[in-house]
N, C-alpha and C. Protein backbone atom coordinates (compact mmCIF):
# COMPACT_ATOMS: atom_id res chain seq x y z
N UNK A 1 28.76 -25.18 -0.86
CA UNK A 1 28.78 -24.22 -0.15
C UNK A 1 27.61 -23.37 -1.22
N UNK A 2 26.79 -22.67 -0.37
CA UNK A 2 25.84 -21.73 -0.69
C UNK A 2 26.47 -20.44 -0.97
N UNK A 3 25.84 -19.61 -1.92
CA UNK A 3 26.41 -17.99 -2.19
C UNK A 3 25.84 -17.34 -1.09
N UNK A 4 26.08 -16.21 -0.89
CA UNK A 4 25.60 -15.08 -0.14
C UNK A 4 26.44 -13.78 -0.10
N UNK A 5 25.77 -12.86 -0.01
CA UNK A 5 26.40 -11.28 0.05
C UNK A 5 25.60 -10.66 1.28
N UNK A 6 26.66 -9.41 1.59
CA UNK A 6 26.13 -8.44 2.50
C UNK A 6 26.07 -7.04 2.21
N UNK A 7 25.56 -6.18 2.01
CA UNK A 7 25.75 -4.74 1.95
C UNK A 7 25.18 -4.14 3.03
N UNK A 8 25.54 -2.54 3.06
CA UNK A 8 25.47 -1.89 4.18
C UNK A 8 25.28 -0.43 3.81
N UNK A 9 24.67 0.44 4.66
CA UNK A 9 24.63 1.64 4.45
C UNK A 9 24.37 2.33 5.93
N UNK A 10 25.11 3.61 6.12
CA UNK A 10 24.91 4.51 7.28
C UNK A 10 23.54 5.67 6.94
N UNK A 11 22.51 5.62 7.69
CA UNK A 11 21.61 6.42 7.42
C UNK A 11 21.58 7.58 8.85
N UNK A 12 21.28 8.66 8.10
CA UNK A 12 21.62 9.65 9.19
C UNK A 12 20.06 10.01 10.22
N UNK A 13 19.66 8.98 11.21
CA UNK A 13 18.18 9.00 11.38
C UNK A 13 18.51 7.76 12.66
N UNK A 14 17.41 8.04 13.86
CA UNK A 14 17.74 7.21 14.98
C UNK A 14 17.20 5.74 14.47
N UNK A 15 17.77 4.69 15.06
CA UNK A 15 17.54 3.31 14.63
C UNK A 15 15.81 3.18 14.70
N UNK A 16 15.00 3.66 15.61
CA UNK A 16 13.75 3.37 15.63
C UNK A 16 12.76 3.86 14.21
N UNK A 17 13.30 4.88 13.76
CA UNK A 17 13.15 5.65 12.58
C UNK A 17 13.10 4.80 11.14
N UNK A 18 14.46 4.66 11.44
CA UNK A 18 14.91 3.42 10.27
C UNK A 18 14.22 2.04 10.23
N UNK A 19 14.13 1.54 11.41
CA UNK A 19 13.53 0.32 11.49
C UNK A 19 12.38 0.37 10.81
N UNK A 20 11.52 1.55 11.39
CA UNK A 20 10.01 1.43 11.06
C UNK A 20 9.69 1.73 9.44
N UNK A 21 10.77 2.39 8.65
CA UNK A 21 10.69 2.82 7.55
C UNK A 21 10.91 1.50 6.66
N UNK A 22 11.39 0.25 7.29
CA UNK A 22 11.23 -1.09 6.41
C UNK A 22 10.41 -2.02 6.86
N UNK A 23 9.67 -1.65 8.01
CA UNK A 23 8.76 -2.57 8.57
C UNK A 23 7.58 -2.34 8.43
N UNK A 24 7.39 -1.17 8.22
CA UNK A 24 5.79 -0.67 7.63
C UNK A 24 5.45 -0.41 6.23
N UNK A 25 4.62 -1.24 5.73
CA UNK A 25 4.49 -1.29 4.45
C UNK A 25 4.04 -0.08 3.70
N UNK A 26 3.56 1.04 4.20
CA UNK A 26 3.12 1.99 3.84
C UNK A 26 4.29 2.73 3.41
N UNK A 27 5.37 2.81 4.49
CA UNK A 27 6.61 3.61 4.13
C UNK A 27 7.55 2.92 3.09
N UNK A 28 7.78 1.51 3.11
CA UNK A 28 8.22 0.69 2.13
C UNK A 28 7.65 0.73 0.79
N UNK A 29 6.41 0.93 0.56
CA UNK A 29 5.78 1.34 -0.82
C UNK A 29 6.30 2.46 -1.13
N UNK A 30 6.55 3.76 -0.62
CA UNK A 30 6.72 4.85 -0.98
C UNK A 30 8.20 5.00 -1.48
N UNK A 31 9.00 3.67 -1.32
CA UNK A 31 10.37 4.24 -1.53
C UNK A 31 11.00 3.04 -2.46
N UNK A 32 10.65 1.92 -1.57
CA UNK A 32 11.20 0.62 -2.75
C UNK A 32 10.19 -0.40 -3.30
N UNK A 33 9.21 -0.63 -2.98
CA UNK A 33 8.37 -1.63 -3.62
C UNK A 33 7.40 -0.89 -4.55
N UNK A 34 7.77 -0.68 -5.53
CA UNK A 34 7.35 0.29 -6.69
C UNK A 34 5.83 -0.20 -6.97
N UNK A 35 5.72 -1.50 -6.63
CA UNK A 35 4.17 -2.02 -6.94
C UNK A 35 3.16 -2.07 -5.42
N UNK A 36 3.88 -1.93 -4.25
CA UNK A 36 3.59 -1.98 -3.22
C UNK A 36 3.75 -3.03 -2.41
N UNK A 37 3.83 -2.99 -1.13
CA UNK A 37 4.16 -3.87 -0.04
C UNK A 37 2.77 -4.01 0.82
N UNK A 38 2.25 -4.97 0.95
CA UNK A 38 0.96 -5.46 1.53
C UNK A 38 1.30 -6.42 3.06
N UNK A 39 0.96 -5.89 4.12
CA UNK A 39 1.37 -6.50 5.37
C UNK A 39 2.62 -6.01 6.23
N UNK A 40 2.44 -5.76 7.35
CA UNK A 40 3.47 -5.12 8.27
C UNK A 40 4.43 -6.54 8.38
N UNK A 41 5.91 -6.44 8.51
CA UNK A 41 6.72 -7.07 8.83
C UNK A 41 6.74 -7.36 10.44
N UNK A 42 6.05 -8.38 10.44
CA UNK A 42 5.85 -9.30 11.94
C UNK A 42 6.26 -10.82 11.65
N UNK A 43 7.02 -11.36 13.02
CA UNK A 43 7.40 -12.55 13.26
C UNK A 43 5.88 -13.87 12.77
N UNK A 44 6.36 -14.66 11.81
CA UNK A 44 5.18 -15.44 11.52
C UNK A 44 4.41 -14.95 10.50
N UNK A 45 4.58 -13.94 10.24
CA UNK A 45 3.44 -13.43 9.03
C UNK A 45 4.08 -13.66 7.65
N UNK A 46 3.24 -13.88 6.63
CA UNK A 46 3.57 -13.58 5.15
C UNK A 46 3.09 -12.54 4.74
N UNK A 47 3.74 -11.84 3.85
CA UNK A 47 3.17 -10.46 3.36
C UNK A 47 3.72 -10.46 1.83
N UNK A 48 3.38 -9.79 0.97
CA UNK A 48 3.83 -9.52 -0.30
C UNK A 48 4.29 -8.39 -0.65
N UNK A 49 5.16 -8.23 -1.45
CA UNK A 49 5.63 -7.28 -2.26
C UNK A 49 5.76 -7.28 -3.70
N UNK A 50 5.41 -6.10 -4.51
CA UNK A 50 5.42 -5.98 -5.77
C UNK A 50 6.37 -4.93 -6.33
N UNK A 51 6.89 -5.23 -7.33
CA UNK A 51 7.90 -4.55 -7.88
C UNK A 51 7.24 -4.30 -9.27
N UNK A 52 7.59 -3.09 -10.04
CA UNK A 52 7.31 -2.55 -11.34
C UNK A 52 8.15 -3.43 -12.31
N UNK A 53 9.43 -3.60 -12.00
CA UNK A 53 10.56 -4.16 -12.68
C UNK A 53 10.11 -5.74 -12.77
N UNK A 54 9.79 -6.21 -11.88
CA UNK A 54 9.67 -7.60 -11.70
C UNK A 54 8.00 -7.78 -11.42
N UNK A 55 6.92 -7.84 -12.44
CA UNK A 55 5.70 -7.61 -12.07
C UNK A 55 5.14 -8.98 -11.42
N UNK A 56 4.30 -8.84 -10.65
CA UNK A 56 3.52 -9.92 -10.09
C UNK A 56 4.18 -9.99 -8.48
N UNK A 57 3.09 -10.10 -7.54
CA UNK A 57 3.35 -9.91 -6.32
C UNK A 57 4.12 -11.30 -5.44
N UNK A 58 5.42 -10.83 -4.80
CA UNK A 58 6.26 -11.90 -3.99
C UNK A 58 5.68 -12.16 -2.78
N UNK A 59 5.59 -13.30 -2.50
CA UNK A 59 5.42 -13.78 -1.01
C UNK A 59 6.48 -13.61 -0.31
N UNK A 60 6.75 -12.98 0.67
CA UNK A 60 7.62 -12.89 1.88
C UNK A 60 7.45 -13.60 3.13
N UNK A 61 7.98 -14.60 3.51
CA UNK A 61 7.99 -15.29 4.53
C UNK A 61 8.59 -14.51 5.58
N UNK A 62 8.25 -13.97 6.91
CA UNK A 62 8.66 -13.22 7.65
C UNK A 62 9.01 -14.35 8.99
N UNK A 63 10.37 -14.62 9.12
CA UNK A 63 10.78 -15.53 10.17
C UNK A 63 10.75 -14.95 11.63
N UNK A 64 11.25 -13.84 11.66
CA UNK A 64 11.55 -13.34 13.02
C UNK A 64 11.87 -11.81 12.77
N UNK A 65 11.13 -10.99 13.76
CA UNK A 65 11.48 -9.42 13.84
C UNK A 65 11.93 -9.35 15.36
N UNK A 66 12.70 -8.52 15.38
CA UNK A 66 13.37 -8.16 16.66
C UNK A 66 13.15 -6.58 16.56
N UNK A 67 12.07 -5.92 17.17
CA UNK A 67 12.07 -4.50 16.68
C UNK A 67 13.10 -3.65 17.08
N UNK A 68 13.59 -2.94 16.07
CA UNK A 68 14.60 -1.80 16.20
C UNK A 68 15.85 -2.56 16.01
N UNK A 69 16.16 -4.11 15.72
CA UNK A 69 17.18 -4.98 15.86
C UNK A 69 17.60 -5.62 14.76
N UNK A 70 16.47 -6.07 14.23
CA UNK A 70 16.76 -7.04 13.01
C UNK A 70 15.37 -7.69 12.55
N UNK A 71 15.62 -7.95 11.36
CA UNK A 71 14.11 -8.39 10.37
C UNK A 71 14.79 -9.80 9.64
N UNK A 72 14.30 -11.00 9.85
CA UNK A 72 14.63 -12.05 9.26
C UNK A 72 13.54 -12.66 8.34
N UNK A 73 14.05 -12.95 7.06
CA UNK A 73 12.81 -13.46 6.32
C UNK A 73 13.39 -14.29 5.11
N UNK A 74 12.32 -14.99 4.37
CA UNK A 74 12.83 -16.03 3.43
C UNK A 74 11.72 -15.73 2.31
N UNK A 75 12.59 -15.98 0.96
CA UNK A 75 11.24 -15.89 -0.14
C UNK A 75 12.25 -16.63 -1.11
N UNK A 76 11.29 -16.95 -2.39
CA UNK A 76 11.98 -17.68 -3.27
C UNK A 76 13.13 -16.98 -4.26
N UNK A 77 13.94 -17.93 -4.25
CA UNK A 77 15.18 -17.69 -5.15
C UNK A 77 14.73 -17.03 -6.45
N UNK A 78 15.27 -15.99 -7.11
CA UNK A 78 15.01 -15.56 -8.28
C UNK A 78 16.01 -15.91 -9.57
N UNK A 79 16.01 -17.34 -9.23
CA UNK A 79 17.03 -18.20 -10.21
C UNK A 79 16.27 -18.88 -11.21
N UNK A 80 16.60 -18.53 -12.39
CA UNK A 80 15.75 -18.72 -13.43
C UNK A 80 16.20 -20.30 -13.84
N UNK A 81 17.16 -20.96 -13.42
CA UNK A 81 17.27 -22.52 -13.61
C UNK A 81 16.86 -23.26 -12.62
N UNK A 82 16.61 -22.63 -11.50
CA UNK A 82 16.26 -23.60 -10.46
C UNK A 82 15.22 -22.95 -9.49
N UNK A 83 14.02 -22.69 -9.60
CA UNK A 83 13.26 -22.04 -8.72
C UNK A 83 12.38 -22.59 -7.47
N UNK A 84 13.17 -23.76 -7.31
CA UNK A 84 12.79 -24.53 -6.46
C UNK A 84 13.25 -24.75 -5.04
N UNK A 85 14.09 -23.32 -4.57
CA UNK A 85 14.37 -23.07 -3.44
C UNK A 85 14.23 -21.74 -2.60
N UNK A 86 14.72 -21.60 -1.71
CA UNK A 86 14.17 -20.06 -1.00
C UNK A 86 15.82 -19.83 -0.58
N UNK A 87 15.77 -18.20 -0.67
CA UNK A 87 17.03 -17.43 0.09
C UNK A 87 16.64 -17.00 1.35
N UNK A 88 17.50 -16.80 2.11
CA UNK A 88 17.24 -15.87 3.32
C UNK A 88 17.95 -14.67 3.22
N UNK A 89 17.17 -13.61 3.87
CA UNK A 89 17.50 -12.07 3.83
C UNK A 89 17.33 -12.10 5.50
N UNK A 90 18.73 -11.35 5.95
CA UNK A 90 18.52 -10.78 7.34
C UNK A 90 18.95 -9.32 7.42
N UNK A 91 17.99 -8.51 7.70
CA UNK A 91 18.64 -7.16 7.79
C UNK A 91 18.76 -6.70 9.58
N UNK A 92 19.68 -6.17 9.43
CA UNK A 92 20.15 -5.98 11.03
C UNK A 92 20.49 -4.46 11.21
N UNK A 93 19.81 -3.77 12.31
CA UNK A 93 20.02 -2.23 12.42
C UNK A 93 20.86 -2.02 13.58
N UNK A 94 21.64 -1.40 13.78
CA UNK A 94 22.69 -0.95 14.84
C UNK A 94 22.85 0.71 14.90
N UNK A 95 22.60 0.89 16.20
CA UNK A 95 22.63 2.56 16.44
C UNK A 95 24.18 3.05 16.50
N UNK A 96 24.46 3.95 15.81
CA UNK A 96 26.19 4.37 16.06
C UNK A 96 26.04 5.55 17.19
N UNK A 97 27.34 5.83 18.25
CA UNK A 97 27.22 6.71 18.55
C UNK A 97 26.92 8.06 18.32
N UNK A 98 27.04 8.45 17.33
CA UNK A 98 26.46 9.66 16.44
C UNK A 98 24.98 10.02 16.53
N UNK A 99 24.12 9.10 16.70
CA UNK A 99 22.63 8.94 16.30
C UNK A 99 22.46 8.69 14.95
N UNK A 100 23.08 8.14 14.30
CA UNK A 100 22.64 7.35 12.79
C UNK A 100 22.38 5.87 13.18
N UNK A 101 22.28 5.23 12.16
CA UNK A 101 21.78 3.79 11.87
C UNK A 101 22.69 3.12 10.82
N UNK A 102 23.16 1.98 11.36
CA UNK A 102 23.78 1.26 10.26
C UNK A 102 22.69 0.10 9.95
N UNK A 103 22.48 0.12 8.53
CA UNK A 103 21.85 -0.96 8.14
C UNK A 103 22.49 -1.84 7.29
N UNK A 104 22.45 -3.23 7.67
CA UNK A 104 23.30 -4.52 6.61
C UNK A 104 21.83 -5.33 6.26
N UNK A 105 22.21 -5.70 5.14
CA UNK A 105 21.12 -6.57 4.81
C UNK A 105 22.29 -7.54 3.77
N UNK A 106 21.67 -9.02 4.68
CA UNK A 106 22.79 -10.30 3.83
C UNK A 106 21.58 -11.36 3.47
N UNK A 107 21.77 -11.63 2.40
CA UNK A 107 21.01 -12.60 1.77
C UNK A 107 21.85 -13.92 1.40
N UNK A 108 21.48 -14.98 1.84
CA UNK A 108 21.79 -16.36 1.76
C UNK A 108 21.29 -17.52 1.22
N UNK A 109 22.05 -18.40 0.89
CA UNK A 109 21.23 -19.59 0.41
C UNK A 109 21.26 -19.83 -1.02
N UNK A 110 21.97 -19.08 -2.24
CA UNK A 110 22.12 -18.95 -3.30
C UNK A 110 22.53 -20.33 -3.75
N UNK A 111 22.32 -20.96 -4.55
CA UNK A 111 23.03 -22.31 -4.98
C UNK A 111 23.91 -21.91 -5.90
N UNK A 112 25.25 -22.61 -5.95
CA UNK A 112 26.33 -22.37 -6.29
C UNK A 112 26.61 -22.85 -7.77
N UNK A 113 25.63 -22.32 -8.75
CA UNK A 113 25.74 -22.51 -10.08
C UNK A 113 26.05 -21.36 -10.94
N UNK A 114 25.96 -21.19 -12.40
CA UNK A 114 26.08 -20.16 -13.16
C UNK A 114 24.65 -19.23 -13.01
N UNK A 115 23.53 -19.94 -12.85
CA UNK A 115 22.23 -19.24 -12.38
C UNK A 115 22.12 -18.62 -11.23
N UNK A 116 22.46 -19.11 -10.45
CA UNK A 116 22.35 -18.83 -8.99
C UNK A 116 23.26 -17.54 -8.74
N UNK A 117 24.47 -17.42 -9.13
CA UNK A 117 25.47 -16.62 -9.17
C UNK A 117 24.73 -15.18 -9.79
N UNK A 118 24.52 -15.53 -10.86
CA UNK A 118 23.68 -14.54 -11.67
C UNK A 118 22.72 -14.02 -10.83
N UNK A 119 21.54 -14.68 -10.49
CA UNK A 119 20.71 -14.32 -9.52
C UNK A 119 20.98 -13.54 -8.31
N UNK A 120 22.20 -14.04 -7.64
CA UNK A 120 22.61 -13.51 -6.38
C UNK A 120 23.19 -12.05 -6.71
N UNK A 121 23.56 -12.26 -8.04
CA UNK A 121 24.34 -10.35 -8.13
C UNK A 121 23.18 -9.48 -8.41
N UNK A 122 21.85 -9.69 -9.20
CA UNK A 122 20.77 -9.24 -9.48
C UNK A 122 20.28 -8.60 -7.89
N UNK A 123 20.27 -9.59 -6.82
CA UNK A 123 19.58 -9.24 -5.96
C UNK A 123 20.44 -8.29 -5.04
N UNK A 124 21.55 -8.36 -5.29
CA UNK A 124 22.75 -7.75 -4.77
C UNK A 124 22.75 -6.38 -4.98
N UNK A 125 22.36 -6.11 -6.25
CA UNK A 125 22.21 -4.87 -6.70
C UNK A 125 20.87 -4.11 -6.56
N UNK A 126 19.80 -5.12 -6.15
CA UNK A 126 18.56 -4.58 -5.87
C UNK A 126 18.75 -4.26 -4.55
N UNK A 127 19.46 -5.12 -3.41
CA UNK A 127 19.39 -4.62 -2.05
C UNK A 127 20.50 -3.24 -2.13
N UNK A 128 21.18 -2.87 -2.45
CA UNK A 128 22.03 -2.13 -2.65
C UNK A 128 21.38 -0.65 -2.71
N UNK A 129 20.38 -1.00 -4.19
CA UNK A 129 19.49 0.20 -4.36
C UNK A 129 18.49 0.57 -3.50
N UNK A 130 17.82 -0.52 -2.66
CA UNK A 130 16.94 -0.19 -1.71
C UNK A 130 17.64 0.46 -0.61
N UNK A 131 18.73 0.40 -0.19
CA UNK A 131 19.29 0.83 0.97
C UNK A 131 19.96 2.25 0.65
N UNK A 132 20.05 2.55 -0.71
CA UNK A 132 20.25 4.08 -1.08
C UNK A 132 19.01 4.72 -0.97
N UNK A 133 17.83 3.84 -1.41
CA UNK A 133 16.60 4.66 -1.34
C UNK A 133 15.95 4.64 -0.03
N UNK A 134 16.20 3.70 0.67
CA UNK A 134 15.84 3.94 2.27
C UNK A 134 16.35 5.03 3.00
N UNK A 135 17.67 5.38 2.60
CA UNK A 135 18.43 6.63 3.15
C UNK A 135 17.96 7.71 2.41
N UNK A 136 17.78 8.04 1.28
CA UNK A 136 17.15 9.34 0.56
C UNK A 136 15.77 9.56 1.18
N UNK A 137 14.94 8.36 1.40
CA UNK A 137 13.73 8.48 1.84
C UNK A 137 13.35 8.95 3.36
N UNK A 138 14.08 8.24 4.12
CA UNK A 138 14.27 8.59 5.66
C UNK A 138 15.06 10.22 5.94
N UNK A 139 15.60 10.12 5.40
CA UNK A 139 16.58 11.46 5.62
C UNK A 139 16.28 12.61 4.80
N UNK A 140 15.32 12.71 3.40
CA UNK A 140 14.83 13.74 2.76
C UNK A 140 13.66 13.50 2.27
N UNK A 141 12.93 12.37 2.52
CA UNK A 141 11.50 12.31 1.86
C UNK A 141 11.49 11.99 0.49
N UNK A 142 12.59 11.75 -0.17
CA UNK A 142 12.83 11.58 -1.51
C UNK A 142 12.49 9.94 -2.01
N UNK A 143 11.97 9.75 -3.00
CA UNK A 143 11.72 8.45 -3.64
C UNK A 143 12.56 8.25 -4.83
N UNK A 144 13.51 7.56 -4.67
CA UNK A 144 14.75 7.68 -5.79
C UNK A 144 14.28 6.59 -6.90
N UNK A 145 13.27 5.70 -6.51
CA UNK A 145 12.81 4.72 -7.45
C UNK A 145 11.86 5.11 -8.42
N UNK A 146 11.09 6.35 -8.12
CA UNK A 146 9.79 6.74 -8.66
C UNK A 146 10.08 7.06 -10.28
N UNK A 147 9.29 6.09 -10.77
CA UNK A 147 9.63 6.21 -12.42
C UNK A 147 10.71 5.56 -12.95
N UNK A 148 11.82 4.86 -12.16
CA UNK A 148 12.95 3.84 -12.48
C UNK A 148 12.78 2.72 -13.33
N UNK A 149 11.52 2.15 -13.03
CA UNK A 149 11.36 0.74 -13.59
C UNK A 149 10.10 0.53 -14.06
N UNK A 150 9.12 1.95 -14.59
CA UNK A 150 8.11 1.94 -15.14
C UNK A 150 7.87 2.84 -16.40
């Protein structure tokens, strides 16, 4: 059995605006990818994300994008003992009746090993931080990660 987790947040903006803040590399670079995001999230494309806390650009393979609904991607597992596999990340965007957006991020495919478990916990923390930063950015134009990892 592979390990997986799901995190979520409600953002007080319409789904189109929240989706664009994730898909657009310029916006993503302003609140999440502290070293920059390069390439728009589009089906079949490979983009790169760079983080000051994990130097070096990470290739991110975008599997499928359904505008304003979901983004599916995969990338190398951050597993110190077994770097020869990938995990799948699924972003889901759902409009609520009151004009907000529920954003869910699920990551799956971690190996059920001590190092896989540790790596999944680290990414769970990272995605939780990403959601908080997304909310602060979209609702208030604030970059919570500015200076946090450099």
